[in-house]
Amino acid sequence: MRPSLPALIDVETLAQQLRHPALRVFDATVRLVRPPGGGPYTVESGRESYRSGHIPGAAFADIPGELSDPAAGLPFTLPSGEQFAAGAGRLGIGAGSHVVAYAQESPMWATRLWWLLRFFGHDGVSVLDGGLGAWRAAGLPLESGEAAYGPSVFDPRPRPELLATRADVERVVAAGGSCLINALKPAVFRGEGISSYSRPGRIPGSANTPWPELLDLQTGRFLPVDQLRQQFEGAAALGSEPVIAYCGGGISATVALFGLALVGRDDARLYDGSLAEWTSDPSLPVEVG
């Protein structure tokens, strides 16, 4: 039987549960290196830094590799159910597993793994509040090298209602009726400065809920639920309208989706292609300012 753990788990609770046989802990770190003059970023795996120090027993989850579609034209694209099942099964994730995802720095990689598992029907997943930084700050032990779990069988049960396609977003822009949440930092939302995408700006009609503003930046932990609720109320994301979150490539928007789930709004959708897809088509509108 897998442990009953909350969606957001603190380091003390995780430390108490580390020996549970159904627990699967993963470092999901990725780093994005942005060229000084703008343009697409370079994706770097966090595996090497994982090897130098990770939570005892934790394995490494390769999000841009085995947990994304390698044939897609955009990085981090949602894989097919078969592709994801193969990758998750190799990692040791099965029906009886409870996954705890963490990252070494930004929580967006942990929330991306949370979203992927949830999209493919696996509800036994938590995000470590504060990630590796909180674990270190608590004086808890680390280990080096590689760790792995035995293979398992993952049965994918996709939830298409959690995904928004480009066509879905086009319909929203044309007709309204949904709340579009842009999770990028305010300057990027306004289209200022150097862009990593084909064109600067945002999808028309979007509200800005920057993912860093959902965190205590001193600790990297999520804000209390009442403060999260205030952030989302300011973007009109807690009303009756459907919510679609996006960012640059479908990663930092999952921080917003996770925050929404914490306040009880677990039906929001992710536009996986986000600005990387939207801005590459010059026929689609963008707003700046």
C-alpha atoms as a PDB file:
ATOM      1  CA  MET A   1       0.000   0.000   0.000  1.00  0.00           C
ATOM      2  CA  ARG A   2       1.371   3.381  -0.947  1.00  0.00           C
ATOM      3  CA  PRO A   3       1.621   6.124   1.688  1.00  0.00           C
ATOM      4  CA  SER A   4      -1.082   8.755   1.974  1.00  0.00           C
ATOM      5  CA  LEU A   5       0.792  12.007   1.404  1.00  0.00           C
ATOM      6  CA  PRO A   6      -0.385  15.533   0.540  1.00  0.00           C
ATOM      7  CA  ALA A   7       0.225  17.116  -2.850  1.00  0.00           C
ATOM      8  CA  LEU A   8       2.703  19.517  -1.217  1.00  0.00           C
ATOM      9  CA  ILE A   9       5.001  17.700   1.189  1.00  0.00           C
ATOM     10  CA  ASP A  10       7.522  19.220   3.603  1.00  0.00           C
ATOM     11  CA  VAL A  11      11.021  17.876   4.060  1.00  0.00           C
ATOM     12  CA  GLU A  12      10.375  16.588   7.576  1.00  0.00           C
ATOM     13  CA  THR A  13       7.485  14.417   6.407  1.00  0.00           C
ATOM     14  CA  LEU A  14       9.496  13.112   3.482  1.00  0.00           C
ATOM     15  CA  ALA A  15      12.424  12.255   5.758  1.00  0.00           C
ATOM     16  CA  GLN A  16      10.077  10.178   7.915  1.00  0.00           C
ATOM     17  CA  GLN A  17       8.723   8.319   4.874  1.00  0.00           C
ATOM     18  CA  LEU A  18      11.951   7.689   2.945  1.00  0.00           C
ATOM     19  CA  ARG A  19      12.058   3.981   3.755  1.00  0.00           C
ATOM     20  CA  HIS A  20       8.489   3.320   2.661  1.00  0.00           C
ATOM     21  CA  PRO A  21       8.670   0.592  -0.012  1.00  0.00           C
ATOM     22  CA  ALA A  22       6.103   2.288  -2.260  1.00  0.00           C
ATOM     23  CA  LEU A  23       7.827   5.683  -2.244  1.00  0.00           C
ATOM     24  CA  ARG A  24       9.598   6.874  -5.387  1.00  0.00           C
ATOM     25  CA  VAL A  25      11.604  10.087  -5.002  1.00  0.00           C
ATOM     26  CA  PHE A  26      12.917  11.855  -8.112  1.00  0.00           C
ATOM     27  CA  ASP A  27      15.201  14.774  -8.812  1.00  0.00           C
ATOM     28  CA  ALA A  28      13.725  16.281 -11.992  1.00  0.00           C
ATOM     29  CA  THR A  29      16.175  19.161 -12.469  1.00  0.00           C
ATOM     30  CA  VAL A  30      16.768  20.719 -15.881  1.00  0.00           C
ATOM     31  CA  ARG A  31      18.623  23.944 -16.641  1.00  0.00           C
ATOM     32  CA  LEU A  32      17.851  26.340 -19.464  1.00  0.00           C
ATOM     33  CA  VAL A  33      20.796  28.321 -20.782  1.00  0.00           C
ATOM     34  CA  ARG A  34      19.597  31.421 -22.610  1.00  0.00           C
ATOM     35  CA  PRO A  35      21.923  33.063 -25.149  1.00  0.00           C
ATOM     36  CA  PRO A  36      22.853  36.673 -24.276  1.00  0.00           C
ATOM     37  CA  GLY A  37      21.473  37.989 -27.556  1.00  0.00           C
ATOM     38  CA  GLY A  38      18.154  36.189 -27.329  1.00  0.00           C
ATOM     39  CA  GLY A  39      16.833  33.222 -29.227  1.00  0.00           C
ATOM     40  CA  PRO A  40      16.060  29.649 -28.212  1.00  0.00           C
ATOM     41  CA  TYR A  41      17.588  28.370 -24.992  1.00  0.00           C
ATOM     42  CA  THR A  42      19.862  25.372 -24.655  1.00  0.00           C
ATOM     43  CA  VAL A  43      18.518  22.536 -22.534  1.00  0.00           C
ATOM     44  CA  GLU A  44      20.969  21.043 -20.029  1.00  0.00           C
ATOM     45  CA  SER A  45      20.246  18.019 -17.867  1.00  0.00           C
ATOM     46  CA  GLY A  46      20.650  18.312 -14.113  1.00  0.00           C
ATOM     47  CA  ARG A  47      21.952  14.748 -13.860  1.00  0.00           C
ATOM     48  CA  GLU A  48      25.562  15.683 -13.110  1.00  0.00           C
ATOM     49  CA  SER A  49      24.667  17.910 -10.175  1.00  0.00           C
ATOM     50  CA  TYR A  50      22.199  15.238  -9.030  1.00  0.00           C
ATOM     51  CA  ARG A  51      25.093  12.781  -8.892  1.00  0.00           C
ATOM     52  CA  SER A  52      27.087  15.147  -6.690  1.00  0.00           C
ATOM     53  CA  GLY A  53      24.362  15.313  -4.042  1.00  0.00           C
ATOM     54  CA  HIS A  54      20.764  14.147  -3.829  1.00  0.00           C
ATOM     55  CA  ILE A  55      18.169  13.016  -1.308  1.00  0.00           C
ATOM     56  CA  PRO A  56      19.091   9.481  -0.175  1.00  0.00           C
ATOM     57  CA  GLY A  57      17.592   6.892  -2.477  1.00  0.00           C
ATOM     58  CA  ALA A  58      16.276   9.438  -4.980  1.00  0.00           C
ATOM     59  CA  ALA A  59      16.580   8.599  -8.656  1.00  0.00           C
ATOM     60  CA  PHE A  60      16.846  11.025 -11.562  1.00  0.00           C
ATOM     61  CA  ALA A  61      13.899  11.733 -13.871  1.00  0.00           C
ATOM     62  CA  ASP A  62      14.974  12.881 -17.333  1.00  0.00           C
ATOM     63  CA  ILE A  63      12.118  15.198 -18.317  1.00  0.00           C
ATOM     64  CA  PRO A  64      13.473  16.461 -21.673  1.00  0.00           C
ATOM     65  CA  GLY A  65      14.619  12.947 -22.577  1.00  0.00           C
ATOM     66  CA  GLU A  66      12.530   9.916 -21.741  1.00  0.00           C
ATOM     67  CA  LEU A  67       9.527  11.912 -20.448  1.00  0.00           C
ATOM     68  CA  SER A  68       9.034  14.122 -23.512  1.00  0.00           C
ATOM     69  CA  ASP A  69       8.344  13.430 -27.188  1.00  0.00           C
ATOM     70  CA  PRO A  70      11.759  13.131 -28.871  1.00  0.00           C
ATOM     71  CA  ALA A  71      10.255  13.544 -32.346  1.00  0.00           C
ATOM     72  CA  ALA A  72       8.463  16.825 -31.640  1.00  0.00           C
ATOM     73  CA  GLY A  73       9.745  20.087 -33.011  1.00  0.00           C
ATOM     74  CA  LEU A  74       9.558  21.785 -29.610  1.00  0.00           C
ATOM     75  CA  PRO A  75      11.392  20.757 -26.431  1.00  0.00           C
ATOM     76  CA  PHE A  76       9.408  19.239 -23.542  1.00  0.00           C
ATOM     77  CA  THR A  77       6.449  18.308 -25.751  1.00  0.00           C
ATOM     78  CA  LEU A  78       3.942  15.969 -24.121  1.00  0.00           C
ATOM     79  CA  PRO A  79       4.775  12.389 -25.192  1.00  0.00           C
ATOM     80  CA  SER A  80       2.275   9.765 -26.237  1.00  0.00           C
ATOM     81  CA  GLY A  81       0.810   7.516 -23.570  1.00  0.00           C
ATOM     82  CA  GLU A  82       2.981   4.653 -24.777  1.00  0.00           C
ATOM     83  CA  GLN A  83       6.148   6.755 -24.660  1.00  0.00           C
ATOM     84  CA  PHE A  84       5.394   8.048 -21.199  1.00  0.00           C
ATOM     85  CA  ALA A  85       4.456   4.612 -19.898  1.00  0.00           C
ATOM     86  CA  ALA A  86       7.770   3.208 -21.109  1.00  0.00           C
ATOM     87  CA  GLY A  87       9.746   5.977 -19.420  1.00  0.00           C
ATOM     88  CA  ALA A  88       7.760   5.916 -16.182  1.00  0.00           C
ATOM     89  CA  GLY A  89       7.954   2.125 -16.033  1.00  0.00           C
ATOM     90  CA  ARG A  90      11.735   2.208 -16.406  1.00  0.00           C
ATOM     91  CA  LEU A  91      11.849   4.675 -13.517  1.00  0.00           C
ATOM     92  CA  GLY A  92       9.921   2.245 -11.332  1.00  0.00           C
ATOM     93  CA  ILE A  93       6.589   4.077 -11.252  1.00  0.00           C
ATOM     94  CA  GLY A  94       3.532   1.841 -11.151  1.00  0.00           C
ATOM     95  CA  ALA A  95      -0.002   1.720  -9.816  1.00  0.00           C
ATOM     96  CA  GLY A  96       1.155   1.216  -6.219  1.00  0.00           C
ATOM     97  CA  SER A  97       3.829   3.921  -6.254  1.00  0.00           C
ATOM     98  CA  HIS A  98       3.732   7.335  -4.634  1.00  0.00           C
ATOM     99  CA  VAL A  99       6.078   9.775  -6.342  1.00  0.00           C
ATOM    100  CA  VAL A 100       7.726  12.743  -4.643  1.00  0.00           C
ATOM    101  CA  ALA A 101       9.213  15.131  -7.188  1.00  0.00           C
ATOM    102  CA  TYR A 102      11.783  17.776  -6.371  1.00  0.00           C
ATOM    103  CA  ALA A 103      14.263  20.029  -8.130  1.00  0.00           C
ATOM    104  CA  GLN A 104      17.579  21.497  -7.117  1.00  0.00           C
ATOM    105  CA  GLU A 105      16.502  25.070  -7.819  1.00  0.00           C
ATOM    106  CA  SER A 106      13.282  26.146  -9.536  1.00  0.00           C
ATOM    107  CA  PRO A 107      10.227  24.058  -8.572  1.00  0.00           C
ATOM    108  CA  MET A 108       8.947  24.149 -12.158  1.00  0.00           C
ATOM    109  CA  TRP A 109      10.643  20.857 -12.975  1.00  0.00           C
ATOM    110  CA  ALA A 110       9.030  19.138 -10.009  1.00  0.00           C
ATOM    111  CA  THR A 111       5.625  20.553 -10.928  1.00  0.00           C
ATOM    112  CA  ARG A 112       6.135  19.492 -14.558  1.00  0.00           C
ATOM    113  CA  LEU A 113       6.654  15.913 -13.383  1.00  0.00           C
ATOM    114  CA  TRP A 114       3.596  16.290 -11.118  1.00  0.00           C
ATOM    115  CA  TRP A 115       1.532  17.472 -14.081  1.00  0.00           C
ATOM    116  CA  LEU A 116       2.778  14.744 -16.423  1.00  0.00           C
ATOM    117  CA  LEU A 117       1.907  12.010 -13.949  1.00  0.00           C
ATOM    118  CA  ARG A 118      -1.469  13.546 -13.240  1.00  0.00           C
ATOM    119  CA  PHE A 119      -2.221  13.948 -16.956  1.00  0.00           C
ATOM    120  CA  PHE A 120      -1.495  10.265 -17.512  1.00  0.00           C
ATOM    121  CA  GLY A 121      -3.796   9.245 -14.658  1.00  0.00           C
ATOM    122  CA  HIS A 122      -1.383   8.764 -11.752  1.00  0.00           C
ATOM    123  CA  ASP A 123      -2.641  10.637  -8.695  1.00  0.00           C
ATOM    124  CA  GLY A 124      -0.059   9.361  -6.234  1.00  0.00           C
ATOM    125  CA  VAL A 125       2.358  12.244  -6.624  1.00  0.00           C
ATOM    126  CA  SER A 126       3.620  15.066  -4.400  1.00  0.00           C
ATOM    127  CA  VAL A 127       5.945  18.028  -4.828  1.00  0.00           C
ATOM    128  CA  LEU A 128       8.626  18.619  -2.202  1.00  0.00           C
ATOM    129  CA  ASP A 129       8.118  22.117  -0.810  1.00  0.00           C
ATOM    130  CA  GLY A 130      11.326  24.090  -1.200  1.00  0.00           C
ATOM    131  CA  GLY A 131      13.044  21.305  -3.126  1.00  0.00           C
ATOM    132  CA  LEU A 132      16.633  20.328  -2.467  1.00  0.00           C
ATOM    133  CA  GLY A 133      17.329  23.731  -0.913  1.00  0.00           C
ATOM    134  CA  ALA A 134      14.830  23.085   1.884  1.00  0.00           C
ATOM    135  CA  TRP A 135      16.291  19.611   2.436  1.00  0.00           C
ATOM    136  CA  ARG A 136      19.779  21.094   2.805  1.00  0.00           C
ATOM    137  CA  ALA A 137      18.532  23.924   5.034  1.00  0.00           C
ATOM    138  CA  ALA A 138      17.011  21.365   7.391  1.00  0.00           C
ATOM    139  CA  GLY A 139      20.420  19.699   7.786  1.00  0.00           C
ATOM    140  CA  LEU A 140      19.189  16.442   6.303  1.00  0.00           C
ATOM    141  CA  PRO A 141      21.668  14.023   4.735  1.00  0.00           C
ATOM    142  CA  LEU A 142      22.580  13.758   1.072  1.00  0.00           C
ATOM    143  CA  GLU A 143      24.147  10.981  -0.921  1.00  0.00           C
ATOM    144  CA  SER A 144      26.148  11.020  -4.127  1.00  0.00           C
ATOM    145  CA  GLY A 145      26.219   8.799  -7.187  1.00  0.00           C
ATOM    146  CA  GLU A 146      23.246   7.248  -8.934  1.00  0.00           C
ATOM    147  CA  ALA A 147      20.236   5.523  -7.429  1.00  0.00           C
ATOM    148  CA  ALA A 148      17.454   3.682  -9.218  1.00  0.00           C
ATOM    149  CA  TYR A 149      14.246   1.811  -8.512  1.00  0.00           C
ATOM    150  CA  GLY A 150      13.361  -1.523 -10.020  1.00  0.00           C
ATOM    151  CA  PRO A 151      11.270  -1.359 -13.198  1.00  0.00           C
ATOM    152  CA  SER A 152       7.507  -1.379 -12.983  1.00  0.00           C
ATOM    153  CA  VAL A 153       4.476  -1.307 -15.262  1.00  0.00           C
ATOM    154  CA  PHE A 154       2.816   2.057 -15.784  1.00  0.00           C
ATOM    155  CA  ASP A 155      -0.708   2.030 -17.165  1.00  0.00           C
ATOM    156  CA  PRO A 156      -1.354   5.365 -18.903  1.00  0.00           C
ATOM    157  CA  ARG A 157      -4.880   6.755 -18.577  1.00  0.00           C
ATOM    158  CA  PRO A 158      -4.673  10.168 -20.280  1.00  0.00           C
ATOM    159  CA  ARG A 159      -6.881  12.998 -19.096  1.00  0.00           C
ATOM    160  CA  PRO A 160      -7.304  15.158 -22.200  1.00  0.00           C
ATOM    161  CA  GLU A 161      -9.451  17.582 -20.211  1.00  0.00           C
ATOM    162  CA  LEU A 162      -6.227  18.795 -18.536  1.00  0.00           C
ATOM    163  CA  LEU A 163      -4.613  19.777 -21.847  1.00  0.00           C
ATOM    164  CA  ALA A 164      -5.315  22.754 -24.120  1.00  0.00           C
ATOM    165  CA  THR A 165      -4.246  22.596 -27.751  1.00  0.00           C
ATOM    166  CA  ARG A 166      -3.327  25.515 -29.958  1.00  0.00           C
ATOM    167  CA  ALA A 167      -6.771  25.221 -31.566  1.00  0.00           C
ATOM    168  CA  ASP A 168      -8.386  25.460 -28.139  1.00  0.00           C
ATOM    169  CA  VAL A 169      -6.468  28.650 -27.373  1.00  0.00           C
ATOM    170  CA  GLU A 170      -7.295  30.124 -30.781  1.00  0.00           C
ATOM    171  CA  ARG A 171     -10.979  29.612 -30.038  1.00  0.00           C
ATOM    172  CA  VAL A 172     -10.601  31.274 -26.652  1.00  0.00           C
ATOM    173  CA  VAL A 173      -8.848  34.289 -28.184  1.00  0.00           C
ATOM    174  CA  ALA A 174     -11.542  34.588 -30.834  1.00  0.00           C
ATOM    175  CA  ALA A 175     -14.556  34.125 -28.588  1.00  0.00           C
ATOM    176  CA  GLY A 176     -13.440  34.629 -24.990  1.00  0.00           C
ATOM    177  CA  GLY A 177     -15.131  32.582 -22.311  1.00  0.00           C
ATOM    178  CA  SER A 178     -11.962  31.365 -20.609  1.00  0.00           C
ATOM    179  CA  CYS A 179      -9.288  32.775 -18.333  1.00  0.00           C
ATOM    180  CA  LEU A 180      -5.806  32.707 -19.879  1.00  0.00           C
ATOM    181  CA  ILE A 181      -3.007  32.739 -17.304  1.00  0.00           C
ATOM    182  CA  ASN A 182       0.502  33.713 -18.393  1.00  0.00           C
ATOM    183  CA  ALA A 183       2.953  32.430 -15.760  1.00  0.00           C
ATOM    184  CA  LEU A 184       6.036  34.285 -16.992  1.00  0.00           C
ATOM    185  CA  LYS A 185       7.723  37.212 -15.286  1.00  0.00           C
ATOM    186  CA  PRO A 186       6.086  40.631 -15.813  1.00  0.00           C
ATOM    187  CA  ALA A 187       8.706  41.996 -18.213  1.00  0.00           C
ATOM    188  CA  VAL A 188       8.365  38.946 -20.461  1.00  0.00           C
ATOM    189  CA  PHE A 189       4.577  39.206 -20.220  1.00  0.00           C
ATOM    190  CA  ARG A 190       4.813  42.805 -21.439  1.00  0.00           C
ATOM    191  CA  GLY A 191       7.160  41.824 -24.269  1.00  0.00           C
ATOM    192  CA  GLU A 192      10.116  43.803 -22.939  1.00  0.00           C
ATOM    193  CA  GLY A 193      13.778  42.950 -23.327  1.00  0.00           C
ATOM    194  CA  ILE A 194      15.399  40.072 -25.180  1.00  0.00           C
ATOM    195  CA  SER A 195      13.028  37.266 -26.110  1.00  0.00           C
ATOM    196  CA  SER A 196      13.655  33.536 -26.226  1.00  0.00           C
ATOM    197  CA  TYR A 197      10.674  33.099 -28.546  1.00  0.00           C
ATOM    198  CA  SER A 198       9.960  33.993 -32.162  1.00  0.00           C
ATOM    199  CA  ARG A 199       8.143  37.180 -31.170  1.00  0.00           C
ATOM    200  CA  PRO A 200       7.924  39.022 -27.842  1.00  0.00           C
ATOM    201  CA  GLY A 201       4.609  39.453 -26.096  1.00  0.00           C
ATOM    202  CA  ARG A 202       1.674  37.415 -24.844  1.00  0.00           C
ATOM    203  CA  ILE A 203      -1.444  35.739 -26.115  1.00  0.00           C
ATOM    204  CA  PRO A 204      -4.203  38.372 -26.337  1.00  0.00           C
ATOM    205  CA  GLY A 205      -6.503  38.565 -23.344  1.00  0.00           C
ATOM    206  CA  SER A 206      -4.037  36.988 -20.921  1.00  0.00           C
ATOM    207  CA  ALA A 207      -3.673  37.828 -17.246  1.00  0.00           C
ATOM    208  CA  ASN A 208      -0.249  37.673 -15.627  1.00  0.00           C
ATOM    209  CA  THR A 209       0.362  35.444 -12.612  1.00  0.00           C
ATOM    210  CA  PRO A 210       4.177  35.178 -12.519  1.00  0.00           C
ATOM    211  CA  TRP A 211       5.263  31.830 -11.129  1.00  0.00           C
ATOM    212  CA  PRO A 212       7.890  33.357  -8.752  1.00  0.00           C
ATOM    213  CA  GLU A 213       5.125  35.335  -7.036  1.00  0.00           C
ATOM    214  CA  LEU A 214       3.551  32.055  -5.913  1.00  0.00           C
ATOM    215  CA  LEU A 215       6.628  31.330  -3.802  1.00  0.00           C
ATOM    216  CA  ASP A 216       8.462  32.692  -0.807  1.00  0.00           C
ATOM    217  CA  LEU A 217      11.614  33.638  -2.665  1.00  0.00           C
ATOM    218  CA  GLN A 218      13.739  33.373   0.474  1.00  0.00           C
ATOM    219  CA  THR A 219      12.921  29.701   0.971  1.00  0.00           C
ATOM    220  CA  GLY A 220      11.590  28.550  -2.393  1.00  0.00           C
ATOM    221  CA  ARG A 221       8.460  27.270  -0.656  1.00  0.00           C
ATOM    222  CA  PHE A 222       4.935  27.850  -1.868  1.00  0.00           C
ATOM    223  CA  LEU A 223       2.978  30.654  -0.272  1.00  0.00           C
ATOM    224  CA  PRO A 224       0.256  29.731   2.226  1.00  0.00           C
ATOM    225  CA  VAL A 225      -3.045  28.789   0.626  1.00  0.00           C
ATOM    226  CA  ASP A 226      -4.775  32.055   1.549  1.00  0.00           C
ATOM    227  CA  GLN A 227      -2.025  34.056  -0.147  1.00  0.00           C
ATOM    228  CA  LEU A 228      -2.104  31.798  -3.208  1.00  0.00           C
ATOM    229  CA  ARG A 229      -5.832  32.332  -3.405  1.00  0.00           C
ATOM    230  CA  GLN A 230      -5.320  36.108  -3.412  1.00  0.00           C
ATOM    231  CA  GLN A 231      -2.857  35.818  -6.293  1.00  0.00           C
ATOM    232  CA  PHE A 232      -5.287  33.822  -8.403  1.00  0.00           C
ATOM    233  CA  GLU A 233      -8.296  35.942  -7.495  1.00  0.00           C
ATOM    234  CA  GLY A 234      -6.382  38.931  -8.841  1.00  0.00           C
ATOM    235  CA  ALA A 235      -6.148  37.148 -12.200  1.00  0.00           C
ATOM    236  CA  ALA A 236      -9.832  36.112 -12.120  1.00  0.00           C
ATOM    237  CA  ALA A 237      -8.755  32.468 -12.115  1.00  0.00           C
ATOM    238  CA  LEU A 238     -11.087  31.311  -9.350  1.00  0.00           C
ATOM    239  CA  GLY A 239     -14.385  32.165 -11.006  1.00  0.00           C
ATOM    240  CA  SER A 240     -16.648  29.963 -13.078  1.00  0.00           C
ATOM    241  CA  GLU A 241     -14.765  30.384 -16.357  1.00  0.00           C
ATOM    242  CA  PRO A 242     -12.401  27.625 -17.546  1.00  0.00           C
ATOM    243  CA  VAL A 243      -8.717  28.349 -16.941  1.00  0.00           C
ATOM    244  CA  ILE A 244      -5.814  27.736 -19.318  1.00  0.00           C
ATOM    245  CA  ALA A 245      -2.243  28.362 -18.140  1.00  0.00           C
ATOM    246  CA  TYR A 246       0.751  28.835 -20.408  1.00  0.00           C
ATOM    247  CA  CYS A 247       4.326  30.101 -20.353  1.00  0.00           C
ATOM    248  CA  GLY A 248       7.199  29.754 -22.800  1.00  0.00           C
ATOM    249  CA  GLY A 249       7.349  26.002 -23.237  1.00  0.00           C
ATOM    250  CA  GLY A 250       4.836  24.400 -20.887  1.00  0.00           C
ATOM    251  CA  ILE A 251       7.097  24.197 -17.834  1.00  0.00           C
ATOM    252  CA  SER A 252       6.734  27.221 -15.536  1.00  0.00           C
ATOM    253  CA  ALA A 253       2.975  27.246 -16.179  1.00  0.00           C
ATOM    254  CA  THR A 254       2.810  24.011 -14.213  1.00  0.00           C
ATOM    255  CA  VAL A 255       3.840  25.988 -11.103  1.00  0.00           C
ATOM    256  CA  ALA A 256       0.641  27.994 -11.558  1.00  0.00           C
ATOM    257  CA  LEU A 257      -1.371  24.822 -12.199  1.00  0.00           C
ATOM    258  CA  PHE A 258       0.011  23.265  -9.032  1.00  0.00           C
ATOM    259  CA  GLY A 259      -0.786  26.421  -7.066  1.00  0.00           C
ATOM    260  CA  LEU A 260      -4.309  26.392  -8.463  1.00  0.00           C
ATOM    261  CA  ALA A 261      -4.701  22.768  -7.391  1.00  0.00           C
ATOM    262  CA  LEU A 262      -3.585  23.702  -3.875  1.00  0.00           C
ATOM    263  CA  VAL A 263      -6.457  26.191  -3.629  1.00  0.00           C
ATOM    264  CA  GLY A 264      -8.944  23.662  -4.995  1.00  0.00           C
ATOM    265  CA  ARG A 265      -8.932  24.586  -8.686  1.00  0.00           C
ATOM    266  CA  ASP A 266      -7.696  21.291 -10.129  1.00  0.00           C
ATOM    267  CA  ASP A 267      -9.506  21.525 -13.468  1.00  0.00           C
ATOM    268  CA  ALA A 268      -7.239  24.131 -15.091  1.00  0.00           C
ATOM    269  CA  ARG A 269      -5.609  23.143 -18.381  1.00  0.00           C
ATOM    270  CA  LEU A 270      -2.063  23.505 -19.674  1.00  0.00           C
ATOM    271  CA  TYR A 271      -1.340  24.916 -23.123  1.00  0.00           C
ATOM    272  CA  ASP A 272       1.665  22.701 -23.643  1.00  0.00           C
ATOM    273  CA  GLY A 273       2.972  24.436 -26.763  1.00  0.00           C
ATOM    274  CA  SER A 274       2.776  27.838 -25.036  1.00  0.00           C
ATOM    275  CA  LEU A 275       4.621  30.804 -26.546  1.00  0.00           C
ATOM    276  CA  ALA A 276       7.201  28.624 -28.280  1.00  0.00           C
ATOM    277  CA  GLU A 277       4.426  27.309 -30.512  1.00  0.00           C
ATOM    278  CA  TRP A 278       2.158  30.371 -30.587  1.00  0.00           C
ATOM    279  CA  THR A 279       4.773  32.970 -31.543  1.00  0.00           C
ATOM    280  CA  SER A 280       6.296  30.779 -34.261  1.00  0.00           C
ATOM    281  CA  ASP A 281       3.195  31.311 -36.416  1.00  0.00           C
ATOM    282  CA  PRO A 282       3.141  34.931 -37.656  1.00  0.00           C
ATOM    283  CA  SER A 283      -0.576  34.670 -38.369  1.00  0.00           C
ATOM    284  CA  LEU A 284      -1.377  34.391 -34.654  1.00  0.00           C
ATOM    285  CA  PRO A 285      -1.737  37.643 -32.690  1.00  0.00           C
ATOM    286  CA  VAL A 286       0.390  38.754 -29.756  1.00  0.00           C
ATOM    287  CA  GLU A 287       0.005  41.691 -27.392  1.00  0.00           C
ATOM    288  CA  VAL A 288       2.765  43.801 -25.882  1.00  0.00           C
ATOM    289  CA  GLY A 289       2.826  46.514 -23.267  1.00  0.00           C
END
